[in-house]
Structures are given as structure tokens and as C-alpha cells.
PDB file of N, CA and C in Angstrom:
ATOM      1  N   MET A   1       2.145  -4.247 -18.450  1.00  0.00           N
ATOM      2  CA  MET A   1       0.703  -4.238 -18.297  1.00  0.00           C
ATOM      3  C   MET A   1       0.117  -3.181 -19.219  1.00  0.00           C
ATOM      4  N   GLU A   2      -0.909  -3.538 -19.931  1.00  0.00           N
ATOM      5  CA  GLU A   2      -1.581  -2.607 -20.829  1.00  0.00           C
ATOM      6  C   GLU A   2      -2.879  -2.120 -20.203  1.00  0.00           C
ATOM      7  N   THR A   3      -3.246  -0.889 -20.525  1.00  0.00           N
ATOM      8  CA  THR A   3      -4.541  -0.389 -20.079  1.00  0.00           C
ATOM      9  C   THR A   3      -5.612  -0.928 -21.016  1.00  0.00           C
ATOM     10  N   PRO A   4      -6.838  -1.034 -20.553  1.00  0.00           N
ATOM     11  CA  PRO A   4      -7.920  -1.568 -21.381  1.00  0.00           C
ATOM     12  C   PRO A   4      -8.161  -0.726 -22.629  1.00  0.00           C
ATOM     13  N   ALA A   5      -8.547  -1.376 -23.715  1.00  0.00           N
ATOM     14  CA  ALA A   5      -8.855  -0.665 -24.962  1.00  0.00           C
ATOM     15  C   ALA A   5     -10.101   0.198 -24.809  1.00  0.00           C
ATOM     16  N   ASP A   6     -11.068  -0.278 -24.042  1.00  0.00           N
ATOM     17  CA  ASP A   6     -12.301   0.478 -23.796  1.00  0.00           C
ATOM     18  C   ASP A   6     -12.074   1.363 -22.579  1.00  0.00           C
ATOM     19  N   PRO A   7     -12.024   2.681 -22.754  1.00  0.00           N
ATOM     20  CA  PRO A   7     -11.728   3.564 -21.621  1.00  0.00           C
ATOM     21  C   PRO A   7     -12.811   3.600 -20.550  1.00  0.00           C
ATOM     22  N   ALA A   8     -13.955   3.017 -20.805  1.00  0.00           N
ATOM     23  CA  ALA A   8     -15.056   3.029 -19.837  1.00  0.00           C
ATOM     24  C   ALA A   8     -14.974   1.875 -18.837  1.00  0.00           C
ATOM     25  N   VAL A   9     -14.016   0.959 -19.018  1.00  0.00           N
ATOM     26  CA  VAL A   9     -13.894  -0.183 -18.112  1.00  0.00           C
ATOM     27  C   VAL A   9     -12.471  -0.282 -17.576  1.00  0.00           C
ATOM     28  N   ALA A  10     -12.338  -0.912 -16.426  1.00  0.00           N
ATOM     29  CA  ALA A  10     -11.030  -1.197 -15.846  1.00  0.00           C
ATOM     30  C   ALA A  10     -10.645  -2.620 -16.209  1.00  0.00           C
ATOM     31  N   GLY A  11      -9.355  -2.884 -16.257  1.00  0.00           N
ATOM     32  CA  GLY A  11      -8.880  -4.213 -16.628  1.00  0.00           C
ATOM     33  C   GLY A  11      -8.011  -4.831 -15.555  1.00  0.00           C
ATOM     34  N   TRP A  12      -8.218  -6.106 -15.296  1.00  0.00           N
ATOM     35  CA  TRP A  12      -7.460  -6.861 -14.306  1.00  0.00           C
ATOM     36  C   TRP A  12      -6.217  -7.446 -14.965  1.00  0.00           C
ATOM     37  N   PHE A  13      -5.072  -7.342 -14.293  1.00  0.00           N
ATOM     38  CA  PHE A  13      -3.820  -7.933 -14.748  1.00  0.00           C
ATOM     39  C   PHE A  13      -3.879  -9.432 -14.479  1.00  0.00           C
ATOM     40  N   THR A  14      -4.085 -10.215 -15.531  1.00  0.00           N
ATOM     41  CA  THR A  14      -4.298 -11.653 -15.385  1.00  0.00           C
ATOM     42  C   THR A  14      -3.037 -12.412 -14.980  1.00  0.00           C
ATOM     43  N   GLY A  15      -1.877 -11.756 -14.981  1.00  0.00           N
ATOM     44  CA  GLY A  15      -0.644 -12.394 -14.545  1.00  0.00           C
ATOM     45  C   GLY A  15      -0.507 -12.423 -13.030  1.00  0.00           C
ATOM     46  N   GLY A  16      -1.473 -11.857 -12.338  1.00  0.00           N
ATOM     47  CA  GLY A  16      -1.441 -11.818 -10.875  1.00  0.00           C
ATOM     48  C   GLY A  16      -2.649 -12.519 -10.295  1.00  0.00           C
ATOM     49  N   PRO A  17      -2.797 -12.446  -8.973  1.00  0.00           N
ATOM     50  CA  PRO A  17      -3.917 -13.114  -8.309  1.00  0.00           C
ATOM     51  C   PRO A  17      -5.273 -12.505  -8.664  1.00  0.00           C
ATOM     52  N   THR A  18      -6.308 -13.312  -8.500  1.00  0.00           N
ATOM     53  CA  THR A  18      -7.681 -12.844  -8.601  1.00  0.00           C
ATOM     54  C   THR A  18      -7.969 -11.945  -7.400  1.00  0.00           C
ATOM     55  N   PRO A  19      -8.729 -10.867  -7.563  1.00  0.00           N
ATOM     56  CA  PRO A  19      -9.062 -10.032  -6.398  1.00  0.00           C
ATOM     57  C   PRO A  19      -9.678 -10.868  -5.270  1.00  0.00           C
ATOM     58  N   GLY A  20      -9.036 -10.813  -4.113  1.00  0.00           N
ATOM     59  CA  GLY A  20      -9.489 -11.592  -2.960  1.00  0.00           C
ATOM     60  C   GLY A  20      -8.597 -12.772  -2.660  1.00  0.00           C
ATOM     61  N   ALA A  21      -7.727 -13.160  -3.609  1.00  0.00           N
ATOM     62  CA  ALA A  21      -6.777 -14.253  -3.376  1.00  0.00           C
ATOM     63  C   ALA A  21      -5.494 -13.669  -2.779  1.00  0.00           C
ATOM     64  N   LEU A  22      -4.672 -14.525  -2.204  1.00  0.00           N
ATOM     65  CA  LEU A  22      -3.412 -14.107  -1.607  1.00  0.00           C
ATOM     66  C   LEU A  22      -2.535 -13.410  -2.645  1.00  0.00           C
ATOM     67  N   GLY A  23      -2.033 -12.248  -2.288  1.00  0.00           N
ATOM     68  CA  GLY A  23      -1.147 -11.493  -3.176  1.00  0.00           C
ATOM     69  C   GLY A  23      -1.815 -10.230  -3.676  1.00  0.00           C
ATOM     70  N   PRO A  24      -1.077  -9.457  -4.484  1.00  0.00           N
ATOM     71  CA  PRO A  24      -1.607  -8.186  -4.973  1.00  0.00           C
ATOM     72  C   PRO A  24      -2.351  -8.320  -6.306  1.00  0.00           C
ATOM     73  N   ALA A  25      -3.667  -8.234  -6.274  1.00  0.00           N
ATOM     74  CA  ALA A  25      -4.445  -8.175  -7.514  1.00  0.00           C
ATOM     75  C   ALA A  25      -4.287  -6.762  -8.077  1.00  0.00           C
ATOM     76  N   VAL A  26      -4.054  -6.656  -9.372  1.00  0.00           N
ATOM     77  CA  VAL A  26      -3.790  -5.357  -9.993  1.00  0.00           C
ATOM     78  C   VAL A  26      -4.860  -5.068 -11.041  1.00  0.00           C
ATOM     79  N   ILE A  27      -5.459  -3.884 -10.925  1.00  0.00           N
ATOM     80  CA  ILE A  27      -6.486  -3.441 -11.871  1.00  0.00           C
ATOM     81  C   ILE A  27      -6.107  -2.045 -12.352  1.00  0.00           C
ATOM     82  N   ALA A  28      -6.148  -1.838 -13.655  1.00  0.00           N
ATOM     83  CA  ALA A  28      -5.800  -0.541 -14.243  1.00  0.00           C
ATOM     84  C   ALA A  28      -6.963  -0.005 -15.060  1.00  0.00           C
ATOM     85  N   GLY A  29      -7.028   1.307 -15.150  1.00  0.00           N
ATOM     86  CA  GLY A  29      -8.055   1.950 -15.953  1.00  0.00           C
ATOM     87  C   GLY A  29      -7.646   3.365 -16.306  1.00  0.00           C
ATOM     88  N   HIS A  30      -8.306   3.908 -17.304  1.00  0.00           N
ATOM     89  CA  HIS A  30      -8.017   5.269 -17.757  1.00  0.00           C
ATOM     90  C   HIS A  30      -8.612   6.309 -16.815  1.00  0.00           C
ATOM     91  N   VAL A  31      -7.924   7.425 -16.685  1.00  0.00           N
ATOM     92  CA  VAL A  31      -8.435   8.560 -15.924  1.00  0.00           C
ATOM     93  C   VAL A  31      -9.265   9.458 -16.846  1.00  0.00           C
ATOM     94  N   THR A  32      -8.762   9.685 -18.050  1.00  0.00           N
ATOM     95  CA  THR A  32      -9.486  10.439 -19.094  1.00  0.00           C
ATOM     96  C   THR A  32      -9.204   9.785 -20.437  1.00  0.00           C
ATOM     97  N   TRP A  33     -10.035  10.141 -21.411  1.00  0.00           N
ATOM     98  CA  TRP A  33      -9.837   9.656 -22.782  1.00  0.00           C
ATOM     99  C   TRP A  33     -10.443  10.703 -23.709  1.00  0.00           C
ATOM    100  N   ASN A  34      -9.634  11.251 -24.576  1.00  0.00           N
ATOM    101  CA  ASN A  34     -10.100  12.308 -25.491  1.00  0.00           C
ATOM    102  C   ASN A  34     -10.823  13.428 -24.738  1.00  0.00           C
ATOM    103  N   GLY A  35     -10.299  13.788 -23.589  1.00  0.00           N
ATOM    104  CA  GLY A  35     -10.855  14.880 -22.800  1.00  0.00           C
ATOM    105  C   GLY A  35     -12.041  14.517 -21.918  1.00  0.00           C
ATOM    106  N   ALA A  36     -12.525  13.291 -22.025  1.00  0.00           N
ATOM    107  CA  ALA A  36     -13.681  12.862 -21.220  1.00  0.00           C
ATOM    108  C   ALA A  36     -13.206  12.125 -19.968  1.00  0.00           C
ATOM    109  N   ARG A  37     -13.944  12.280 -18.885  1.00  0.00           N
ATOM    110  CA  ARG A  37     -13.666  11.547 -17.646  1.00  0.00           C
ATOM    111  C   ARG A  37     -13.982  10.076 -17.849  1.00  0.00           C
ATOM    112  N   GLU A  38     -13.082   9.221 -17.382  1.00  0.00           N
ATOM    113  CA  GLU A  38     -13.281   7.789 -17.580  1.00  0.00           C
ATOM    114  C   GLU A  38     -13.330   7.035 -16.248  1.00  0.00           C
ATOM    115  N   VAL A  39     -13.264   5.718 -16.325  1.00  0.00           N
ATOM    116  CA  VAL A  39     -13.574   4.819 -15.219  1.00  0.00           C
ATOM    117  C   VAL A  39     -12.809   5.136 -13.922  1.00  0.00           C
ATOM    118  N   PHE A  40     -11.567   5.554 -13.995  1.00  0.00           N
ATOM    119  CA  PHE A  40     -10.790   5.847 -12.785  1.00  0.00           C
ATOM    120  C   PHE A  40     -10.550   7.340 -12.594  1.00  0.00           C
ATOM    121  N   TYR A  41     -11.446   8.154 -13.100  1.00  0.00           N
ATOM    122  CA  TYR A  41     -11.281   9.606 -12.987  1.00  0.00           C
ATOM    123  C   TYR A  41     -11.151  10.062 -11.537  1.00  0.00           C
ATOM    124  N   ARG A  42     -11.898   9.463 -10.646  1.00  0.00           N
ATOM    125  CA  ARG A  42     -11.894   9.890  -9.233  1.00  0.00           C
ATOM    126  C   ARG A  42     -10.973   9.042  -8.347  1.00  0.00           C
ATOM    127  N   LEU A  43     -10.158   8.201  -8.944  1.00  0.00           N
ATOM    128  CA  LEU A  43      -9.294   7.312  -8.167  1.00  0.00           C
ATOM    129  C   LEU A  43      -8.399   8.083  -7.195  1.00  0.00           C
ATOM    130  N   GLY A  44      -7.838   9.176  -7.627  1.00  0.00           N
ATOM    131  CA  GLY A  44      -6.945   9.963  -6.786  1.00  0.00           C
ATOM    132  C   GLY A  44      -7.623  10.617  -5.593  1.00  0.00           C
ATOM    133  N   SER A  45      -8.950  10.629  -5.578  1.00  0.00           N
ATOM    134  CA  SER A  45      -9.665  11.234  -4.442  1.00  0.00           C
ATOM    135  C   SER A  45      -9.927  10.228  -3.321  1.00  0.00           C
ATOM    136  N   LEU A  46      -9.604   8.945  -3.537  1.00  0.00           N
ATOM    137  CA  LEU A  46      -9.753   7.959  -2.465  1.00  0.00           C
ATOM    138  C   LEU A  46      -8.773   8.265  -1.345  1.00  0.00           C
ATOM    139  N   ARG A  47      -9.139   7.894  -0.137  1.00  0.00           N
ATOM    140  CA  ARG A  47      -8.328   8.136   1.054  1.00  0.00           C
ATOM    141  C   ARG A  47      -8.246   6.859   1.886  1.00  0.00           C
ATOM    142  N   PRO A  48      -7.200   6.731   2.723  1.00  0.00           N
ATOM    143  CA  PRO A  48      -7.120   5.570   3.612  1.00  0.00           C
ATOM    144  C   PRO A  48      -8.410   5.415   4.423  1.00  0.00           C
ATOM    145  N   GLY A  49      -8.881   4.176   4.496  1.00  0.00           N
ATOM    146  CA  GLY A  49     -10.128   3.874   5.191  1.00  0.00           C
ATOM    147  C   GLY A  49     -11.318   3.745   4.261  1.00  0.00           C
ATOM    148  N   ASP A  50     -11.216   4.281   3.031  1.00  0.00           N
ATOM    149  CA  ASP A  50     -12.312   4.142   2.066  1.00  0.00           C
ATOM    150  C   ASP A  50     -12.458   2.685   1.644  1.00  0.00           C
ATOM    151  N   GLU A  51     -13.669   2.321   1.257  1.00  0.00           N
ATOM    152  CA  GLU A  51     -13.959   0.961   0.821  1.00  0.00           C
ATOM    153  C   GLU A  51     -13.984   0.898  -0.703  1.00  0.00           C
ATOM    154  N   VAL A  52     -13.420  -0.180  -1.247  1.00  0.00           N
ATOM    155  CA  VAL A  52     -13.436  -0.456  -2.683  1.00  0.00           C
ATOM    156  C   VAL A  52     -14.001  -1.853  -2.867  1.00  0.00           C
ATOM    157  N   THR A  53     -14.968  -1.999  -3.758  1.00  0.00           N
ATOM    158  CA  THR A  53     -15.516  -3.325  -4.034  1.00  0.00           C
ATOM    159  C   THR A  53     -15.185  -3.743  -5.461  1.00  0.00           C
ATOM    160  N   VAL A  54     -14.906  -5.019  -5.613  1.00  0.00           N
ATOM    161  CA  VAL A  54     -14.598  -5.586  -6.924  1.00  0.00           C
ATOM    162  C   VAL A  54     -15.541  -6.756  -7.150  1.00  0.00           C
ATOM    163  N   THR A  55     -16.355  -6.667  -8.178  1.00  0.00           N
ATOM    164  CA  THR A  55     -17.235  -7.781  -8.536  1.00  0.00           C
ATOM    165  C   THR A  55     -16.437  -8.734  -9.424  1.00  0.00           C
ATOM    166  N   ARG A  56     -16.303  -9.960  -8.963  1.00  0.00           N
ATOM    167  CA  ARG A  56     -15.495 -10.942  -9.667  1.00  0.00           C
ATOM    168  C   ARG A  56     -16.331 -11.738 -10.672  1.00  0.00           C
ATOM    169  N   LYS A  57     -15.636 -12.409 -11.562  1.00  0.00           N
ATOM    170  CA  LYS A  57     -16.294 -13.226 -12.579  1.00  0.00           C
ATOM    171  C   LYS A  57     -17.131 -14.352 -11.970  1.00  0.00           C
ATOM    172  N   ASP A  58     -16.749 -14.828 -10.769  1.00  0.00           N
ATOM    173  CA  ASP A  58     -17.492 -15.908 -10.114  1.00  0.00           C
ATOM    174  C   ASP A  58     -18.759 -15.406  -9.427  1.00  0.00           C
ATOM    175  N   GLY A  59     -19.046 -14.093  -9.559  1.00  0.00           N
ATOM    176  CA  GLY A  59     -20.253 -13.520  -8.982  1.00  0.00           C
ATOM    177  C   GLY A  59     -20.085 -13.015  -7.564  1.00  0.00           C
ATOM    178  N   LYS A  60     -18.950 -13.310  -6.939  1.00  0.00           N
ATOM    179  CA  LYS A  60     -18.695 -12.834  -5.586  1.00  0.00           C
ATOM    180  C   LYS A  60     -18.117 -11.416  -5.636  1.00  0.00           C
ATOM    181  N   THR A  61     -18.229 -10.723  -4.503  1.00  0.00           N
ATOM    182  CA  THR A  61     -17.700  -9.373  -4.382  1.00  0.00           C
ATOM    183  C   THR A  61     -16.586  -9.367  -3.354  1.00  0.00           C
ATOM    184  N   ALA A  62     -15.418  -8.892  -3.766  1.00  0.00           N
ATOM    185  CA  ALA A  62     -14.291  -8.732  -2.849  1.00  0.00           C
ATOM    186  C   ALA A  62     -14.321  -7.297  -2.332  1.00  0.00           C
ATOM    187  N   ILE A  63     -14.263  -7.154  -1.016  1.00  0.00           N
ATOM    188  CA  ILE A  63     -14.342  -5.838  -0.384  1.00  0.00           C
ATOM    189  C   ILE A  63     -12.982  -5.505   0.221  1.00  0.00           C
ATOM    190  N   PHE A  64     -12.437  -4.371  -0.191  1.00  0.00           N
ATOM    191  CA  PHE A  64     -11.116  -3.937   0.237  1.00  0.00           C
ATOM    192  C   PHE A  64     -11.203  -2.609   0.971  1.00  0.00           C
ATOM    193  N   THR A  65     -10.229  -2.364   1.850  1.00  0.00           N
ATOM    194  CA  THR A  65     -10.091  -1.077   2.523  1.00  0.00           C
ATOM    195  C   THR A  65      -8.801  -0.424   2.040  1.00  0.00           C
ATOM    196  N   VAL A  66      -8.898   0.815   1.606  1.00  0.00           N
ATOM    197  CA  VAL A  66      -7.740   1.557   1.113  1.00  0.00           C
ATOM    198  C   VAL A  66      -6.775   1.819   2.272  1.00  0.00           C
ATOM    199  N   SER A  67      -5.501   1.499   2.056  1.00  0.00           N
ATOM    200  CA  SER A  67      -4.475   1.781   3.060  1.00  0.00           C
ATOM    201  C   SER A  67      -3.592   2.956   2.663  1.00  0.00           C
ATOM    202  N   ARG A  68      -3.447   3.187   1.349  1.00  0.00           N
ATOM    203  CA  ARG A  68      -2.575   4.266   0.890  1.00  0.00           C
ATOM    204  C   ARG A  68      -2.934   4.655  -0.526  1.00  0.00           C
ATOM    205  N   VAL A  69      -2.793   5.939  -0.834  1.00  0.00           N
ATOM    206  CA  VAL A  69      -2.951   6.457  -2.192  1.00  0.00           C
ATOM    207  C   VAL A  69      -1.702   7.279  -2.472  1.00  0.00           C
ATOM    208  N   ALA A  70      -1.024   6.976  -3.577  1.00  0.00           N
ATOM    209  CA  ALA A  70       0.227   7.670  -3.864  1.00  0.00           C
ATOM    210  C   ALA A  70       0.350   7.955  -5.359  1.00  0.00           C
ATOM    211  N   ARG A  71       1.162   8.955  -5.676  1.00  0.00           N
ATOM    212  CA  ARG A  71       1.441   9.298  -7.074  1.00  0.00           C
ATOM    213  C   ARG A  71       2.936   9.120  -7.311  1.00  0.00           C
ATOM    214  N   PHE A  72       3.267   8.456  -8.402  1.00  0.00           N
ATOM    215  CA  PHE A  72       4.655   8.172  -8.751  1.00  0.00           C
ATOM    216  C   PHE A  72       4.923   8.612 -10.184  1.00  0.00           C
ATOM    217  N   SER A  73       6.095   9.142 -10.420  1.00  0.00           N
ATOM    218  CA  SER A  73       6.530   9.444 -11.780  1.00  0.00           C
ATOM    219  C   SER A  73       6.552   8.140 -12.568  1.00  0.00           C
ATOM    220  N   LYS A  74       6.145   8.190 -13.829  1.00  0.00           N
ATOM    221  CA  LYS A  74       6.167   6.972 -14.649  1.00  0.00           C
ATOM    222  C   LYS A  74       7.580   6.406 -14.755  1.00  0.00           C
ATOM    223  N   GLU A  75       8.588   7.281 -14.684  1.00  0.00           N
ATOM    224  CA  GLU A  75       9.981   6.827 -14.741  1.00  0.00           C
ATOM    225  C   GLU A  75      10.400   6.118 -13.455  1.00  0.00           C
ATOM    226  N   ARG A  76       9.660   6.301 -12.375  1.00  0.00           N
ATOM    227  CA  ARG A  76       9.989   5.674 -11.087  1.00  0.00           C
ATOM    228  C   ARG A  76       8.834   4.795 -10.602  1.00  0.00           C
ATOM    229  N   PHE A  77       8.185   4.114 -11.533  1.00  0.00           N
ATOM    230  CA  PHE A  77       7.061   3.253 -11.188  1.00  0.00           C
ATOM    231  C   PHE A  77       7.524   2.201 -10.179  1.00  0.00           C
ATOM    232  N   PRO A  78       6.797   2.036  -9.062  1.00  0.00           N
ATOM    233  CA  PRO A  78       7.220   1.118  -7.995  1.00  0.00           C
ATOM    234  C   PRO A  78       6.806  -0.328  -8.260  1.00  0.00           C
ATOM    235  N   SER A  79       7.423  -0.960  -9.224  1.00  0.00           N
ATOM    236  CA  SER A  79       7.035  -2.318  -9.638  1.00  0.00           C
ATOM    237  C   SER A  79       6.987  -3.300  -8.482  1.00  0.00           C
ATOM    238  N   ARG A  80       7.969  -3.269  -7.608  1.00  0.00           N
ATOM    239  CA  ARG A  80       8.003  -4.218  -6.492  1.00  0.00           C
ATOM    240  C   ARG A  80       6.816  -4.003  -5.546  1.00  0.00           C
ATOM    241  N   ALA A  81       6.481  -2.743  -5.257  1.00  0.00           N
ATOM    242  CA  ALA A  81       5.354  -2.444  -4.358  1.00  0.00           C
ATOM    243  C   ALA A  81       4.019  -2.818  -4.986  1.00  0.00           C
ATOM    244  N   VAL A  82       3.951  -2.767  -6.305  1.00  0.00           N
ATOM    245  CA  VAL A  82       2.700  -3.086  -7.004  1.00  0.00           C
ATOM    246  C   VAL A  82       2.559  -4.587  -7.232  1.00  0.00           C
ATOM    247  N   TYR A  83       3.587  -5.217  -7.782  1.00  0.00           N
ATOM    248  CA  TYR A  83       3.487  -6.614  -8.196  1.00  0.00           C
ATOM    249  C   TYR A  83       4.157  -7.607  -7.247  1.00  0.00           C
ATOM    250  N   GLY A  84       4.956  -7.117  -6.299  1.00  0.00           N
ATOM    251  CA  GLY A  84       5.725  -7.998  -5.420  1.00  0.00           C
ATOM    252  C   GLY A  84       4.866  -8.782  -4.445  1.00  0.00           C
ATOM    253  N   ARG A  85       5.453  -9.802  -3.871  1.00  0.00           N
ATOM    254  CA  ARG A  85       4.753 -10.673  -2.925  1.00  0.00           C
ATOM    255  C   ARG A  85       4.344  -9.909  -1.668  1.00  0.00           C
ATOM    256  N   ILE A  86       3.157 -10.240  -1.192  1.00  0.00           N
ATOM    257  CA  ILE A  86       2.665  -9.721   0.082  1.00  0.00           C
ATOM    258  C   ILE A  86       2.029 -10.881   0.839  1.00  0.00           C
ATOM    259  N   ASP A  87       1.871 -10.726   2.153  1.00  0.00           N
ATOM    260  CA  ASP A  87       1.379 -11.831   2.978  1.00  0.00           C
ATOM    261  C   ASP A  87      -0.129 -11.797   3.209  1.00  0.00           C
ATOM    262  N   HIS A  88      -0.835 -11.060   2.362  1.00  0.00           N
ATOM    263  CA  HIS A  88      -2.292 -10.942   2.497  1.00  0.00           C
ATOM    264  C   HIS A  88      -2.895 -10.732   1.111  1.00  0.00           C
ATOM    265  N   ALA A  89      -4.210 -10.759   1.043  1.00  0.00           N
ATOM    266  CA  ALA A  89      -4.905 -10.452  -0.215  1.00  0.00           C
ATOM    267  C   ALA A  89      -4.967  -8.938  -0.348  1.00  0.00           C
ATOM    268  N   GLY A  90      -4.346  -8.420  -1.364  1.00  0.00           N
ATOM    269  CA  GLY A  90      -4.294  -6.979  -1.570  1.00  0.00           C
ATOM    270  C   GLY A  90      -4.844  -6.578  -2.922  1.00  0.00           C
ATOM    271  N   LEU A  91      -4.953  -5.290  -3.101  1.00  0.00           N
ATOM    272  CA  LEU A  91      -5.449  -4.730  -4.351  1.00  0.00           C
ATOM    273  C   LEU A  91      -4.612  -3.517  -4.697  1.00  0.00           C
ATOM    274  N   ARG A  92      -4.275  -3.385  -5.980  1.00  0.00           N
ATOM    275  CA  ARG A  92      -3.583  -2.218  -6.497  1.00  0.00           C
ATOM    276  C   ARG A  92      -4.420  -1.682  -7.647  1.00  0.00           C
ATOM    277  N   LEU A  93      -4.871  -0.450  -7.519  1.00  0.00           N
ATOM    278  CA  LEU A  93      -5.628   0.215  -8.580  1.00  0.00           C
ATOM    279  C   LEU A  93      -4.713   1.261  -9.189  1.00  0.00           C
ATOM    280  N   ILE A  94      -4.597   1.265 -10.512  1.00  0.00           N
ATOM    281  CA  ILE A  94      -3.630   2.139 -11.171  1.00  0.00           C
ATOM    282  C   ILE A  94      -4.299   2.949 -12.275  1.00  0.00           C
ATOM    283  N   THR A  95      -3.975   4.242 -12.305  1.00  0.00           N
ATOM    284  CA  THR A  95      -4.388   5.107 -13.406  1.00  0.00           C
ATOM    285  C   THR A  95      -3.301   6.150 -13.623  1.00  0.00           C
ATOM    286  N   CYS A  96      -3.496   7.010 -14.569  1.00  0.00           N
ATOM    287  CA  CYS A  96      -2.555   8.093 -14.832  1.00  0.00           C
ATOM    288  C   CYS A  96      -2.888   9.300 -13.972  1.00  0.00           C
ATOM    289  N   GLY A  97      -1.910  10.176 -13.804  1.00  0.00           N
ATOM    290  CA  GLY A  97      -2.121  11.389 -13.035  1.00  0.00           C
ATOM    291  C   GLY A  97      -1.014  12.379 -13.288  1.00  0.00           C
ATOM    292  N   GLY A  98      -1.076  13.478 -12.565  1.00  0.00           N
ATOM    293  CA  GLY A  98      -0.057  14.507 -12.716  1.00  0.00           C
ATOM    294  C   GLY A  98      -0.298  15.362 -13.939  1.00  0.00           C
ATOM    295  N   THR A  99       0.770  15.911 -14.470  1.00  0.00           N
ATOM    296  CA  THR A  99       0.712  16.818 -15.608  1.00  0.00           C
ATOM    297  C   THR A  99       0.402  16.060 -16.897  1.00  0.00           C
ATOM    298  N   TYR A 100      -0.502  16.628 -17.685  1.00  0.00           N
ATOM    299  CA  TYR A 100      -0.842  16.060 -18.995  1.00  0.00           C
ATOM    300  C   TYR A 100      -0.274  16.989 -20.060  1.00  0.00           C
ATOM    301  N   ASP A 101       0.553  16.468 -20.947  1.00  0.00           N
ATOM    302  CA  ASP A 101       1.208  17.306 -21.955  1.00  0.00           C
ATOM    303  C   ASP A 101       0.480  17.339 -23.300  1.00  0.00           C
ATOM    304  N   GLY A 102      -0.751  16.853 -23.317  1.00  0.00           N
ATOM    305  CA  GLY A 102      -1.504  16.787 -24.568  1.00  0.00           C
ATOM    306  C   GLY A 102      -1.449  15.421 -25.221  1.00  0.00           C
ATOM    307  N   HIS A 103      -0.519  14.578 -24.751  1.00  0.00           N
ATOM    308  CA  HIS A 103      -0.366  13.222 -25.293  1.00  0.00           C
ATOM    309  C   HIS A 103      -0.356  12.163 -24.196  1.00  0.00           C
ATOM    310  N   LYS A 104       0.260  12.503 -23.074  1.00  0.00           N
ATOM    311  CA  LYS A 104       0.358  11.525 -21.988  1.00  0.00           C
ATOM    312  C   LYS A 104       0.495  12.243 -20.642  1.00  0.00           C
ATOM    313  N   TYR A 105       0.193  11.489 -19.582  1.00  0.00           N
ATOM    314  CA  TYR A 105       0.360  11.980 -18.220  1.00  0.00           C
ATOM    315  C   TYR A 105       1.769  11.642 -17.742  1.00  0.00           C
ATOM    316  N   ALA A 106       2.309  12.475 -16.863  1.00  0.00           N
ATOM    317  CA  ALA A 106       3.662  12.276 -16.358  1.00  0.00           C
ATOM    318  C   ALA A 106       3.739  11.216 -15.263  1.00  0.00           C
ATOM    319  N   ASP A 107       2.636  10.991 -14.559  1.00  0.00           N
ATOM    320  CA  ASP A 107       2.661  10.137 -13.372  1.00  0.00           C
ATOM    321  C   ASP A 107       1.622   9.027 -13.423  1.00  0.00           C
ATOM    322  N   ASN A 108       1.703   8.157 -12.421  1.00  0.00           N
ATOM    323  CA  ASN A 108       0.674   7.161 -12.153  1.00  0.00           C
ATOM    324  C   ASN A 108       0.148   7.392 -10.749  1.00  0.00           C
ATOM    325  N   VAL A 109      -1.164   7.259 -10.573  1.00  0.00           N
ATOM    326  CA  VAL A 109      -1.798   7.255  -9.261  1.00  0.00           C
ATOM    327  C   VAL A 109      -2.049   5.797  -8.924  1.00  0.00           C
ATOM    328  N   ILE A 110      -1.622   5.396  -7.736  1.00  0.00           N
ATOM    329  CA  ILE A 110      -1.786   3.998  -7.314  1.00  0.00           C
ATOM    330  C   ILE A 110      -2.481   3.966  -5.962  1.00  0.00           C
ATOM    331  N   VAL A 111      -3.549   3.175  -5.892  1.00  0.00           N
ATOM    332  CA  VAL A 111      -4.258   2.938  -4.645  1.00  0.00           C
ATOM    333  C   VAL A 111      -3.849   1.556  -4.156  1.00  0.00           C
ATOM    334  N   PHE A 112      -3.434   1.494  -2.900  1.00  0.00           N
ATOM    335  CA  PHE A 112      -3.074   0.240  -2.247  1.00  0.00           C
ATOM    336  C   PHE A 112      -4.203  -0.077  -1.258  1.00  0.00           C
ATOM    337  N   ALA A 113      -4.698  -1.313  -1.317  1.00  0.00           N
ATOM    338  CA  ALA A 113      -5.805  -1.692  -0.437  1.00  0.00           C
ATOM    339  C   ALA A 113      -5.628  -3.122   0.061  1.00  0.00           C
ATOM    340  N   ARG A 114      -6.338  -3.443   1.139  1.00  0.00           N
ATOM    341  CA  ARG A 114      -6.246  -4.769   1.795  1.00  0.00           C
ATOM    342  C   ARG A 114      -7.649  -5.376   1.857  1.00  0.00           C
ATOM    343  N   LEU A 115      -7.732  -6.687   1.589  1.00  0.00           N
ATOM    344  CA  LEU A 115      -9.007  -7.400   1.620  1.00  0.00           C
ATOM    345  C   LEU A 115      -9.611  -7.397   3.013  1.00  0.00           C
ATOM    346  N   GLU A 116     -10.908  -7.108   3.072  1.00  0.00           N
ATOM    347  CA  GLU A 116     -11.677  -7.182   4.326  1.00  0.00           C
ATOM    348  C   GLU A 116     -12.615  -8.380   4.325  1.00  0.00           C
ATOM    349  N   ALA A 117     -13.233  -8.660   3.154  1.00  0.00           N
ATOM    350  CA  ALA A 117     -14.207  -9.758   3.080  1.00  0.00           C
ATOM    351  C   ALA A 117     -14.493 -10.117   1.628  1.00  0.00           C
ATOM    352  N   VAL A 118     -15.016 -11.319   1.428  1.00  0.00           N
ATOM    353  CA  VAL A 118     -15.530 -11.757   0.126  1.00  0.00           C
ATOM    354  C   VAL A 118     -16.942 -12.252   0.373  1.00  0.00           C
ATOM    355  N   ARG A 119     -17.887 -11.716  -0.369  1.00  0.00           N
ATOM    356  CA  ARG A 119     -19.306 -12.099  -0.198  1.00  0.00           C
ATOM    357  C   ARG A 119     -19.890 -12.579  -1.508  1.00  0.00           C
TER     358      ARG A 119
END
């Protein structure tokens, strides 16, 4: 999965479900870019119970509730937990986190959420 070229927007992983459909929809975005705060800068501050909304291309809004926020080393990225099958409509939001060495971040911050409604 690649991060979006435009650091001001988040990108949906088109190899997975649409947000609100059965399975884990995955959206990634930059935390910073050239020292500036970007689209997912505050992603790591989300907590279980927080609401996340995704405006879909069809004009509907999928509303999710955060169940977990975790940080993983890039070397131990939890592919199965992010992309694996689930029995509900879920959402995975991914950005970088942890130590920044001047070129890259050591970790990924991942928000896990569950669909509440589509309006």
C-alpha cells in the first residue's frame, strides 16, 4: 500500500472494501510532510469510543466508532489485523509515528474502528 502523493489528503486502499462494506476498509495518510502537520497528524490522539466519519464517493457518510489505537514497529506491521477478514464493516486508519530519524518514522499508528451507521 502506498501513501497518497498529496500529503493533505488521505487515500483509500482500493484492494479492500469500501468504507461501510463488510470487511476492513483501509485508509492511509501522512502525519507530517517537510516538517508540516498533515492530514493524519492527530490520528494518534484518537481514543476508543471516538467517532470517525468517512465521506464516500457515493455521497453517503460512513460513521465508525474507534475500538483501538495502537503503534507498531514498521518491521512488525500487523498485516493480518489490518487487511485480514473480519465479520463486520471495519475501518483501519494508518499513519506514521514514533521516532523520526530525519528521513522516516520508525513506527505506524493504526486506528481500528467498527461501523455504526451509513447516512
